[in-house]
Amino acid sequence: MEVVSLDFEVFGKVQGCNFTKVAKEKADGLGITGWIKNMKTGTVAGRIQGNKTVVDQMVKWLSEEGSPGCHIDRCQLTNQQAIIRPDYPNFSLKF
């Protein structure tokens, strides 16, 4: 089982539509760890870690689905790498 970590930033209308709350629910359901945060620039950014299969599902959600009422222009992924084990005990909202 390959464990991966990656950073993401989602651009579009992704604040004021419960994006971070719904993303946490999605990540918790998939067993993903990491964090998510509303940025001052109007984007949403964070880090996700877990089994590659479920991380790929989360990336699809971040890139194409999102929360109801949001509009995703694009999702930028950086720092993707294989890791031995996740650095976080759960998935959290940062403020």
PDB file of N, CA and C in Angstrom:
ATOM      1  N   MET A   1       0.849  -1.182   0.000  1.00  0.00           N
ATOM      2  CA  MET A   1       0.000   0.000   0.000  1.00  0.00           C
ATOM      3  C   MET A   1       0.893   1.244   0.000  1.00  0.00           C
ATOM      4  N   GLU A   2       0.771   2.044  -1.036  1.00  0.00           N
ATOM      5  CA  GLU A   2       1.579   3.260  -1.146  1.00  0.00           C
ATOM      6  C   GLU A   2       0.895   4.408  -0.407  1.00  0.00           C
ATOM      7  N   VAL A   3       1.643   5.044   0.492  1.00  0.00           N
ATOM      8  CA  VAL A   3       1.139   6.201   1.232  1.00  0.00           C
ATOM      9  C   VAL A   3       1.772   7.440   0.619  1.00  0.00           C
ATOM     10  N   VAL A   4       0.937   8.437   0.325  1.00  0.00           N
ATOM     11  CA  VAL A   4       1.420   9.649  -0.328  1.00  0.00           C
ATOM     12  C   VAL A   4       0.999  10.890   0.450  1.00  0.00           C
ATOM     13  N   SER A   5       1.704  11.970   0.169  1.00  0.00           N
ATOM     14  CA  SER A   5       1.413  13.280   0.740  1.00  0.00           C
ATOM     15  C   SER A   5       1.447  14.289  -0.391  1.00  0.00           C
ATOM     16  N   LEU A   6       0.529  15.238  -0.363  1.00  0.00           N
ATOM     17  CA  LEU A   6       0.581  16.325  -1.338  1.00  0.00           C
ATOM     18  C   LEU A   6      -0.082  17.568  -0.783  1.00  0.00           C
ATOM     19  N   ASP A   7       0.366  18.703  -1.289  1.00  0.00           N
ATOM     20  CA  ASP A   7      -0.226  19.991  -0.949  1.00  0.00           C
ATOM     21  C   ASP A   7      -1.154  20.393  -2.083  1.00  0.00           C
ATOM     22  N   PHE A   8      -2.220  21.106  -1.739  1.00  0.00           N
ATOM     23  CA  PHE A   8      -3.171  21.544  -2.755  1.00  0.00           C
ATOM     24  C   PHE A   8      -3.602  22.977  -2.498  1.00  0.00           C
ATOM     25  N   GLU A   9      -4.022  23.635  -3.572  1.00  0.00           N
ATOM     26  CA  GLU A   9      -4.650  24.949  -3.474  1.00  0.00           C
ATOM     27  C   GLU A   9      -5.767  24.978  -4.499  1.00  0.00           C
ATOM     28  N   VAL A  10      -6.968  25.299  -4.028  1.00  0.00           N
ATOM     29  CA  VAL A  10      -8.145  25.308  -4.889  1.00  0.00           C
ATOM     30  C   VAL A  10      -8.528  26.754  -5.175  1.00  0.00           C
ATOM     31  N   PHE A  11      -8.680  27.074  -6.461  1.00  0.00           N
ATOM     32  CA  PHE A  11      -9.010  28.419  -6.920  1.00  0.00           C
ATOM     33  C   PHE A  11     -10.446  28.445  -7.429  1.00  0.00           C
ATOM     34  N   GLY A  12     -11.104  29.587  -7.273  1.00  0.00           N
ATOM     35  CA  GLY A  12     -12.476  29.768  -7.731  1.00  0.00           C
ATOM     36  C   GLY A  12     -13.300  30.370  -6.613  1.00  0.00           C
ATOM     37  N   LYS A  13     -14.622  30.150  -6.659  1.00  0.00           N
ATOM     38  CA  LYS A  13     -15.495  30.591  -5.566  1.00  0.00           C
ATOM     39  C   LYS A  13     -15.570  29.433  -4.575  1.00  0.00           C
ATOM     40  N   VAL A  14     -14.603  29.411  -3.665  1.00  0.00           N
ATOM     41  CA  VAL A  14     -14.492  28.288  -2.737  1.00  0.00           C
ATOM     42  C   VAL A  14     -14.532  28.724  -1.267  1.00  0.00           C
ATOM     43  N   GLN A  15     -14.801  30.009  -1.039  1.00  0.00           N
ATOM     44  CA  GLN A  15     -15.010  30.479   0.331  1.00  0.00           C
ATOM     45  C   GLN A  15     -16.446  30.964   0.454  1.00  0.00           C
ATOM     46  N   GLY A  16     -17.017  30.812   1.649  1.00  0.00           N
ATOM     47  CA  GLY A  16     -18.400  31.214   1.873  1.00  0.00           C
ATOM     48  C   GLY A  16     -19.403  30.190   1.365  1.00  0.00           C
ATOM     49  N   CYS A  17     -18.947  28.965   1.102  1.00  0.00           N
ATOM     50  CA  CYS A  17     -19.845  27.911   0.611  1.00  0.00           C
ATOM     51  C   CYS A  17     -19.587  26.593   1.351  1.00  0.00           C
ATOM     52  N   ASN A  18     -19.071  26.704   2.577  1.00  0.00           N
ATOM     53  CA  ASN A  18     -18.783  25.535   3.421  1.00  0.00           C
ATOM     54  C   ASN A  18     -17.792  24.553   2.804  1.00  0.00           C
ATOM     55  N   PHE A  19     -16.927  25.030   1.921  1.00  0.00           N
ATOM     56  CA  PHE A  19     -15.984  24.145   1.235  1.00  0.00           C
ATOM     57  C   PHE A  19     -15.096  23.398   2.229  1.00  0.00           C
ATOM     58  N   THR A  20     -14.523  24.122   3.205  1.00  0.00           N
ATOM     59  CA  THR A  20     -13.594  23.470   4.135  1.00  0.00           C
ATOM     60  C   THR A  20     -14.320  22.456   5.022  1.00  0.00           C
ATOM     61  N   LYS A  21     -15.518  22.796   5.462  1.00  0.00           N
ATOM     62  CA  LYS A  21     -16.296  21.892   6.322  1.00  0.00           C
ATOM     63  C   LYS A  21     -16.643  20.608   5.579  1.00  0.00           C
ATOM     64  N   VAL A  22     -17.130  20.740   4.356  1.00  0.00           N
ATOM     65  CA  VAL A  22     -17.506  19.567   3.564  1.00  0.00           C
ATOM     66  C   VAL A  22     -16.258  18.768   3.173  1.00  0.00           C
ATOM     67  N   ALA A  23     -15.149  19.459   2.902  1.00  0.00           N
ATOM     68  CA  ALA A  23     -13.896  18.763   2.590  1.00  0.00           C
ATOM     69  C   ALA A  23     -13.436  17.925   3.780  1.00  0.00           C
ATOM     70  N   LYS A  24     -13.587  18.460   4.992  1.00  0.00           N
ATOM     71  CA  LYS A  24     -13.218  17.695   6.187  1.00  0.00           C
ATOM     72  C   LYS A  24     -14.084  16.451   6.306  1.00  0.00           C
ATOM     73  N   GLU A  25     -15.380  16.583   6.072  1.00  0.00           N
ATOM     74  CA  GLU A  25     -16.280  15.424   6.131  1.00  0.00           C
ATOM     75  C   GLU A  25     -15.870  14.371   5.103  1.00  0.00           C
ATOM     76  N   LYS A  26     -15.524  14.822   3.899  1.00  0.00           N
ATOM     77  CA  LYS A  26     -15.091  13.909   2.833  1.00  0.00           C
ATOM     78  C   LYS A  26     -13.786  13.212   3.233  1.00  0.00           C
ATOM     79  N   ALA A  27     -12.813  13.984   3.718  1.00  0.00           N
ATOM     80  CA  ALA A  27     -11.521  13.416   4.128  1.00  0.00           C
ATOM     81  C   ALA A  27     -11.698  12.422   5.273  1.00  0.00           C
ATOM     82  N   ASP A  28     -12.527  12.778   6.256  1.00  0.00           N
ATOM     83  CA  ASP A  28     -12.778  11.873   7.381  1.00  0.00           C
ATOM     84  C   ASP A  28     -13.398  10.568   6.886  1.00  0.00           C
ATOM     85  N   GLY A  29     -14.321  10.666   5.946  1.00  0.00           N
ATOM     86  CA  GLY A  29     -14.965   9.477   5.394  1.00  0.00           C
ATOM     87  C   GLY A  29     -14.007   8.576   4.638  1.00  0.00           C
ATOM     88  N   LEU A  30     -12.985   9.182   4.026  1.00  0.00           N
ATOM     89  CA  LEU A  30     -11.994   8.416   3.266  1.00  0.00           C
ATOM     90  C   LEU A  30     -10.820   7.937   4.128  1.00  0.00           C
ATOM     91  N   GLY A  31     -10.725   8.448   5.353  1.00  0.00           N
ATOM     92  CA  GLY A  31      -9.609   8.081   6.217  1.00  0.00           C
ATOM     93  C   GLY A  31      -8.325   8.826   5.893  1.00  0.00           C
ATOM     94  N   ILE A  32      -8.470  10.026   5.334  1.00  0.00           N
ATOM     95  CA  ILE A  32      -7.318  10.858   4.962  1.00  0.00           C
ATOM     96  C   ILE A  32      -6.934  11.750   6.137  1.00  0.00           C
ATOM     97  N   THR A  33      -5.634  11.998   6.297  1.00  0.00           N
ATOM     98  CA  THR A  33      -5.162  12.927   7.317  1.00  0.00           C
ATOM     99  C   THR A  33      -4.597  14.174   6.649  1.00  0.00           C
ATOM    100  N   GLY A  34      -4.396  15.217   7.451  1.00  0.00           N
ATOM    101  CA  GLY A  34      -3.850  16.468   6.937  1.00  0.00           C
ATOM    102  C   GLY A  34      -4.621  17.652   7.470  1.00  0.00           C
ATOM    103  N   TRP A  35      -4.744  18.686   6.643  1.00  0.00           N
ATOM    104  CA  TRP A  35      -5.426  19.906   7.075  1.00  0.00           C
ATOM    105  C   TRP A  35      -5.920  20.695   5.867  1.00  0.00           C
ATOM    106  N   ILE A  36      -6.813  21.656   6.145  1.00  0.00           N
ATOM    107  CA  ILE A  36      -7.353  22.550   5.118  1.00  0.00           C
ATOM    108  C   ILE A  36      -7.588  23.914   5.756  1.00  0.00           C
ATOM    109  N   LYS A  37      -7.451  24.974   4.951  1.00  0.00           N
ATOM    110  CA  LYS A  37      -7.560  26.333   5.496  1.00  0.00           C
ATOM    111  C   LYS A  37      -8.025  27.301   4.416  1.00  0.00           C
ATOM    112  N   ASN A  38      -8.893  28.255   4.798  1.00  0.00           N
ATOM    113  CA  ASN A  38      -9.232  29.382   3.926  1.00  0.00           C
ATOM    114  C   ASN A  38      -8.050  30.343   3.932  1.00  0.00           C
ATOM    115  N   MET A  39      -7.587  30.718   2.755  1.00  0.00           N
ATOM    116  CA  MET A  39      -6.457  31.630   2.646  1.00  0.00           C
ATOM    117  C   MET A  39      -6.952  33.067   2.455  1.00  0.00           C
ATOM    118  N   LYS A  40      -6.126  34.036   2.831  1.00  0.00           N
ATOM    119  CA  LYS A  40      -6.488  35.453   2.690  1.00  0.00           C
ATOM    120  C   LYS A  40      -6.676  35.854   1.234  1.00  0.00           C
ATOM    121  N   THR A  41      -6.082  35.094   0.312  1.00  0.00           N
ATOM    122  CA  THR A  41      -6.171  35.404  -1.119  1.00  0.00           C
ATOM    123  C   THR A  41      -7.486  34.938  -1.747  1.00  0.00           C
ATOM    124  N   GLY A  42      -8.348  34.265  -0.953  1.00  0.00           N
ATOM    125  CA  GLY A  42      -9.627  33.796  -1.475  1.00  0.00           C
ATOM    126  C   GLY A  42      -9.615  32.349  -1.933  1.00  0.00           C
ATOM    127  N   THR A  43      -8.469  31.698  -1.812  1.00  0.00           N
ATOM    128  CA  THR A  43      -8.373  30.287  -2.177  1.00  0.00           C
ATOM    129  C   THR A  43      -8.530  29.423  -0.925  1.00  0.00           C
ATOM    130  N   VAL A  44      -8.525  28.122  -1.126  1.00  0.00           N
ATOM    131  CA  VAL A  44      -8.495  27.151  -0.036  1.00  0.00           C
ATOM    132  C   VAL A  44      -7.257  26.293  -0.264  1.00  0.00           C
ATOM    133  N   ALA A  45      -6.461  26.096   0.778  1.00  0.00           N
ATOM    134  CA  ALA A  45      -5.223  25.326   0.637  1.00  0.00           C
ATOM    135  C   ALA A  45      -5.102  24.322   1.768  1.00  0.00           C
ATOM    136  N   GLY A  46      -4.240  23.341   1.557  1.00  0.00           N
ATOM    137  CA  GLY A  46      -4.016  22.355   2.605  1.00  0.00           C
ATOM    138  C   GLY A  46      -3.071  21.260   2.177  1.00  0.00           C
ATOM    139  N   ARG A  47      -3.038  20.227   3.001  1.00  0.00           N
ATOM    140  CA  ARG A  47      -2.198  19.051   2.747  1.00  0.00           C
ATOM    141  C   ARG A  47      -3.044  17.813   3.025  1.00  0.00           C
ATOM    142  N   ILE A  48      -2.929  16.826   2.148  1.00  0.00           N
ATOM    143  CA  ILE A  48      -3.612  15.558   2.366  1.00  0.00           C
ATOM    144  C   ILE A  48      -2.596  14.427   2.322  1.00  0.00           C
ATOM    145  N   GLN A  49      -2.823  13.437   3.198  1.00  0.00           N
ATOM    146  CA  GLN A  49      -1.938  12.283   3.284  1.00  0.00           C
ATOM    147  C   GLN A  49      -2.773  11.030   3.480  1.00  0.00           C
ATOM    148  N   GLY A  50      -2.326   9.945   2.866  1.00  0.00           N
ATOM    149  CA  GLY A  50      -3.016   8.670   3.031  1.00  0.00           C
ATOM    150  C   GLY A  50      -2.680   7.717   1.910  1.00  0.00           C
ATOM    151  N   ASN A  51      -3.411   6.615   1.879  1.00  0.00           N
ATOM    152  CA  ASN A  51      -3.263   5.627   0.819  1.00  0.00           C
ATOM    153  C   ASN A  51      -3.503   6.302  -0.524  1.00  0.00           C
ATOM    154  N   LYS A  52      -2.671   6.019  -1.509  1.00  0.00           N
ATOM    155  CA  LYS A  52      -2.756   6.695  -2.810  1.00  0.00           C
ATOM    156  C   LYS A  52      -4.151   6.601  -3.427  1.00  0.00           C
ATOM    157  N   THR A  53      -4.812   5.472  -3.282  1.00  0.00           N
ATOM    158  CA  THR A  53      -6.144   5.291  -3.864  1.00  0.00           C
ATOM    159  C   THR A  53      -7.141   6.307  -3.314  1.00  0.00           C
ATOM    160  N   VAL A  54      -7.158   6.495  -1.985  1.00  0.00           N
ATOM    161  CA  VAL A  54      -8.113   7.435  -1.402  1.00  0.00           C
ATOM    162  C   VAL A  54      -7.670   8.883  -1.596  1.00  0.00           C
ATOM    163  N   VAL A  55      -6.358   9.125  -1.625  1.00  0.00           N
ATOM    164  CA  VAL A  55      -5.867  10.478  -1.917  1.00  0.00           C
ATOM    165  C   VAL A  55      -6.302  10.881  -3.327  1.00  0.00           C
ATOM    166  N   ASP A  56      -6.225   9.947  -4.278  1.00  0.00           N
ATOM    167  CA  ASP A  56      -6.688  10.231  -5.643  1.00  0.00           C
ATOM    168  C   ASP A  56      -8.174  10.581  -5.660  1.00  0.00           C
ATOM    169  N   GLN A  57      -8.975   9.900  -4.839  1.00  0.00           N
ATOM    170  CA  GLN A  57     -10.409  10.213  -4.747  1.00  0.00           C
ATOM    171  C   GLN A  57     -10.621  11.616  -4.181  1.00  0.00           C
ATOM    172  N   MET A  58      -9.827  11.978  -3.178  1.00  0.00           N
ATOM    173  CA  MET A  58      -9.942  13.307  -2.572  1.00  0.00           C
ATOM    174  C   MET A  58      -9.515  14.382  -3.559  1.00  0.00           C
ATOM    175  N   VAL A  59      -8.459  14.129  -4.323  1.00  0.00           N
ATOM    176  CA  VAL A  59      -8.005  15.089  -5.336  1.00  0.00           C
ATOM    177  C   VAL A  59      -9.111  15.311  -6.368  1.00  0.00           C
ATOM    178  N   LYS A  60      -9.779  14.248  -6.781  1.00  0.00           N
ATOM    179  CA  LYS A  60     -10.889  14.375  -7.732  1.00  0.00           C
ATOM    180  C   LYS A  60     -11.980  15.260  -7.137  1.00  0.00           C
ATOM    181  N   TRP A  61     -12.308  15.044  -5.855  1.00  0.00           N
ATOM    182  CA  TRP A  61     -13.332  15.858  -5.194  1.00  0.00           C
ATOM    183  C   TRP A  61     -12.893  17.322  -5.139  1.00  0.00           C
ATOM    184  N   LEU A  62     -11.636  17.568  -4.749  1.00  0.00           N
ATOM    185  CA  LEU A  62     -11.116  18.937  -4.657  1.00  0.00           C
ATOM    186  C   LEU A  62     -11.070  19.620  -6.020  1.00  0.00           C
ATOM    187  N   SER A  63     -10.830  18.862  -7.079  1.00  0.00           N
ATOM    188  CA  SER A  63     -10.656  19.410  -8.425  1.00  0.00           C
ATOM    189  C   SER A  63     -11.958  19.592  -9.186  1.00  0.00           C
ATOM    190  N   GLU A  64     -12.938  18.707  -8.943  1.00  0.00           N
ATOM    191  CA  GLU A  64     -14.119  18.661  -9.798  1.00  0.00           C
ATOM    192  C   GLU A  64     -15.453  18.833  -9.081  1.00  0.00           C
ATOM    193  N   GLU A  65     -15.543  18.392  -7.833  1.00  0.00           N
ATOM    194  CA  GLU A  65     -16.840  18.387  -7.160  1.00  0.00           C
ATOM    195  C   GLU A  65     -16.991  19.546  -6.180  1.00  0.00           C
ATOM    196  N   GLY A  66     -16.297  19.466  -5.068  1.00  0.00           N
ATOM    197  CA  GLY A  66     -16.399  20.508  -4.057  1.00  0.00           C
ATOM    198  C   GLY A  66     -17.741  20.494  -3.353  1.00  0.00           C
ATOM    199  N   SER A  67     -17.990  21.517  -2.563  1.00  0.00           N
ATOM    200  CA  SER A  67     -19.235  21.601  -1.804  1.00  0.00           C
ATOM    201  C   SER A  67     -20.324  22.249  -2.652  1.00  0.00           C
ATOM    202  N   PRO A  68     -21.592  21.999  -2.296  1.00  0.00           N
ATOM    203  CA  PRO A  68     -22.689  22.647  -3.024  1.00  0.00           C
ATOM    204  C   PRO A  68     -22.553  24.172  -2.966  1.00  0.00           C
ATOM    205  N   GLY A  69     -22.752  24.840  -4.088  1.00  0.00           N
ATOM    206  CA  GLY A  69     -22.685  26.294  -4.146  1.00  0.00           C
ATOM    207  C   GLY A  69     -21.310  26.852  -4.458  1.00  0.00           C
ATOM    208  N   CYS A  70     -20.308  26.004  -4.499  1.00  0.00           N
ATOM    209  CA  CYS A  70     -18.975  26.500  -4.842  1.00  0.00           C
ATOM    210  C   CYS A  70     -18.761  26.381  -6.347  1.00  0.00           C
ATOM    211  N   HIS A  71     -17.720  27.047  -6.823  1.00  0.00           N
ATOM    212  CA  HIS A  71     -17.333  26.925  -8.233  1.00  0.00           C
ATOM    213  C   HIS A  71     -15.815  26.800  -8.272  1.00  0.00           C
ATOM    214  N   ILE A  72     -15.326  25.655  -8.720  1.00  0.00           N
ATOM    215  CA  ILE A  72     -13.888  25.391  -8.770  1.00  0.00           C
ATOM    216  C   ILE A  72     -13.359  25.762 -10.147  1.00  0.00           C
ATOM    217  N   ASP A  73     -12.391  26.686 -10.183  1.00  0.00           N
ATOM    218  CA  ASP A  73     -11.709  27.007 -11.439  1.00  0.00           C
ATOM    219  C   ASP A  73     -10.591  26.008 -11.704  1.00  0.00           C
ATOM    220  N   ARG A  74      -9.779  25.753 -10.670  1.00  0.00           N
ATOM    221  CA  ARG A  74      -8.688  24.785 -10.820  1.00  0.00           C
ATOM    222  C   ARG A  74      -8.162  24.393  -9.448  1.00  0.00           C
ATOM    223  N   CYS A  75      -7.467  23.270  -9.429  1.00  0.00           N
ATOM    224  CA  CYS A  75      -6.823  22.788  -8.210  1.00  0.00           C
ATOM    225  C   CYS A  75      -5.360  22.542  -8.533  1.00  0.00           C
ATOM    226  N   GLN A  76      -4.487  23.257  -7.861  1.00  0.00           N
ATOM    227  CA  GLN A  76      -3.044  23.133  -8.084  1.00  0.00           C
ATOM    228  C   GLN A  76      -2.457  22.179  -7.042  1.00  0.00           C
ATOM    229  N   LEU A  77      -1.735  21.154  -7.511  1.00  0.00           N
ATOM    230  CA  LEU A  77      -1.114  20.168  -6.629  1.00  0.00           C
ATOM    231  C   LEU A  77       0.399  20.361  -6.637  1.00  0.00           C
ATOM    232  N   THR A  78       1.006  20.338  -5.459  1.00  0.00           N
ATOM    233  CA  THR A  78       2.458  20.481  -5.344  1.00  0.00           C
ATOM    234  C   THR A  78       2.984  19.522  -4.278  1.00  0.00           C
ATOM    235  N   ASN A  79       4.291  19.342  -4.280  1.00  0.00           N
ATOM    236  CA  ASN A  79       4.990  18.556  -3.252  1.00  0.00           C
ATOM    237  C   ASN A  79       4.466  17.132  -3.102  1.00  0.00           C
ATOM    238  N   GLN A  80       4.030  16.526  -4.206  1.00  0.00           N
ATOM    239  CA  GLN A  80       3.540  15.152  -4.118  1.00  0.00           C
ATOM    240  C   GLN A  80       4.716  14.203  -3.925  1.00  0.00           C
ATOM    241  N   GLN A  81       4.611  13.350  -2.896  1.00  0.00           N
ATOM    242  CA  GLN A  81       5.696  12.426  -2.597  1.00  0.00           C
ATOM    243  C   GLN A  81       5.187  11.210  -1.836  1.00  0.00           C
ATOM    244  N   ALA A  82       5.918  10.117  -1.959  1.00  0.00           N
ATOM    245  CA  ALA A  82       5.624   8.923  -1.169  1.00  0.00           C
ATOM    246  C   ALA A  82       6.178   9.144   0.237  1.00  0.00           C
ATOM    247  N   ILE A  83       5.440   8.689   1.236  1.00  0.00           N
ATOM    248  CA  ILE A  83       5.880   8.811   2.625  1.00  0.00           C
ATOM    249  C   ILE A  83       5.721   7.450   3.309  1.00  0.00           C
ATOM    250  N   ILE A  84       6.393   7.280   4.425  1.00  0.00           N
ATOM    251  CA  ILE A  84       6.311   6.011   5.154  1.00  0.00           C
ATOM    252  C   ILE A  84       4.999   5.925   5.920  1.00  0.00           C
ATOM    253  N   ARG A  85       4.635   7.012   6.587  1.00  0.00           N
ATOM    254  CA  ARG A  85       3.365   7.066   7.325  1.00  0.00           C
ATOM    255  C   ARG A  85       2.928   8.529   7.418  1.00  0.00           C
ATOM    256  N   PRO A  86       1.633   8.759   7.583  1.00  0.00           N
ATOM    257  CA  PRO A  86       1.132  10.138   7.679  1.00  0.00           C
ATOM    258  C   PRO A  86       1.730  10.887   8.868  1.00  0.00           C
ATOM    259  N   ASP A  87       1.869  12.200   8.704  1.00  0.00           N
ATOM    260  CA  ASP A  87       2.400  13.070   9.757  1.00  0.00           C
ATOM    261  C   ASP A  87       1.319  13.571  10.709  1.00  0.00           C
ATOM    262  N   TYR A  88       0.054  13.361  10.363  1.00  0.00           N
ATOM    263  CA  TYR A  88      -1.058  13.921  11.134  1.00  0.00           C
ATOM    264  C   TYR A  88      -1.948  12.795  11.657  1.00  0.00           C
ATOM    265  N   PRO A  89      -2.525  12.971  12.862  1.00  0.00           N
ATOM    266  CA  PRO A  89      -3.403  11.931  13.408  1.00  0.00           C
ATOM    267  C   PRO A  89      -4.800  11.933  12.778  1.00  0.00           C
ATOM    268  N   ASN A  90      -5.190  13.067  12.189  1.00  0.00           N
ATOM    269  CA  ASN A  90      -6.528  13.194  11.607  1.00  0.00           C
ATOM    270  C   ASN A  90      -6.509  14.311  10.563  1.00  0.00           C
ATOM    271  N   PHE A  91      -7.691  14.688  10.086  1.00  0.00           N
ATOM    272  CA  PHE A  91      -7.816  15.797   9.134  1.00  0.00           C
ATOM    273  C   PHE A  91      -8.450  16.958   9.883  1.00  0.00           C
ATOM    274  N   SER A  92      -7.819  18.117   9.856  1.00  0.00           N
ATOM    275  CA  SER A  92      -8.293  19.238  10.667  1.00  0.00           C
ATOM    276  C   SER A  92      -8.509  20.502   9.845  1.00  0.00           C
ATOM    277  N   LEU A  93      -9.355  21.363  10.394  1.00  0.00           N
ATOM    278  CA  LEU A  93      -9.578  22.694   9.835  1.00  0.00           C
ATOM    279  C   LEU A  93      -8.614  23.641  10.531  1.00  0.00           C
ATOM    280  N   LYS A  94      -7.863  24.415   9.757  1.00  0.00           N
ATOM    281  CA  LYS A  94      -6.974  25.427  10.335  1.00  0.00           C
ATOM    282  C   LYS A  94      -7.606  26.791  10.127  1.00  0.00           C
ATOM    283  N   PHE A  95      -7.338  27.692  11.066  1.00  0.00           N
ATOM    284  CA  PHE A  95      -7.881  29.048  10.977  1.00  0.00           C
ATOM    285  C   PHE A  95      -6.772  30.067  11.034  1.00  0.00           C
TER     286      PHE A  95
END
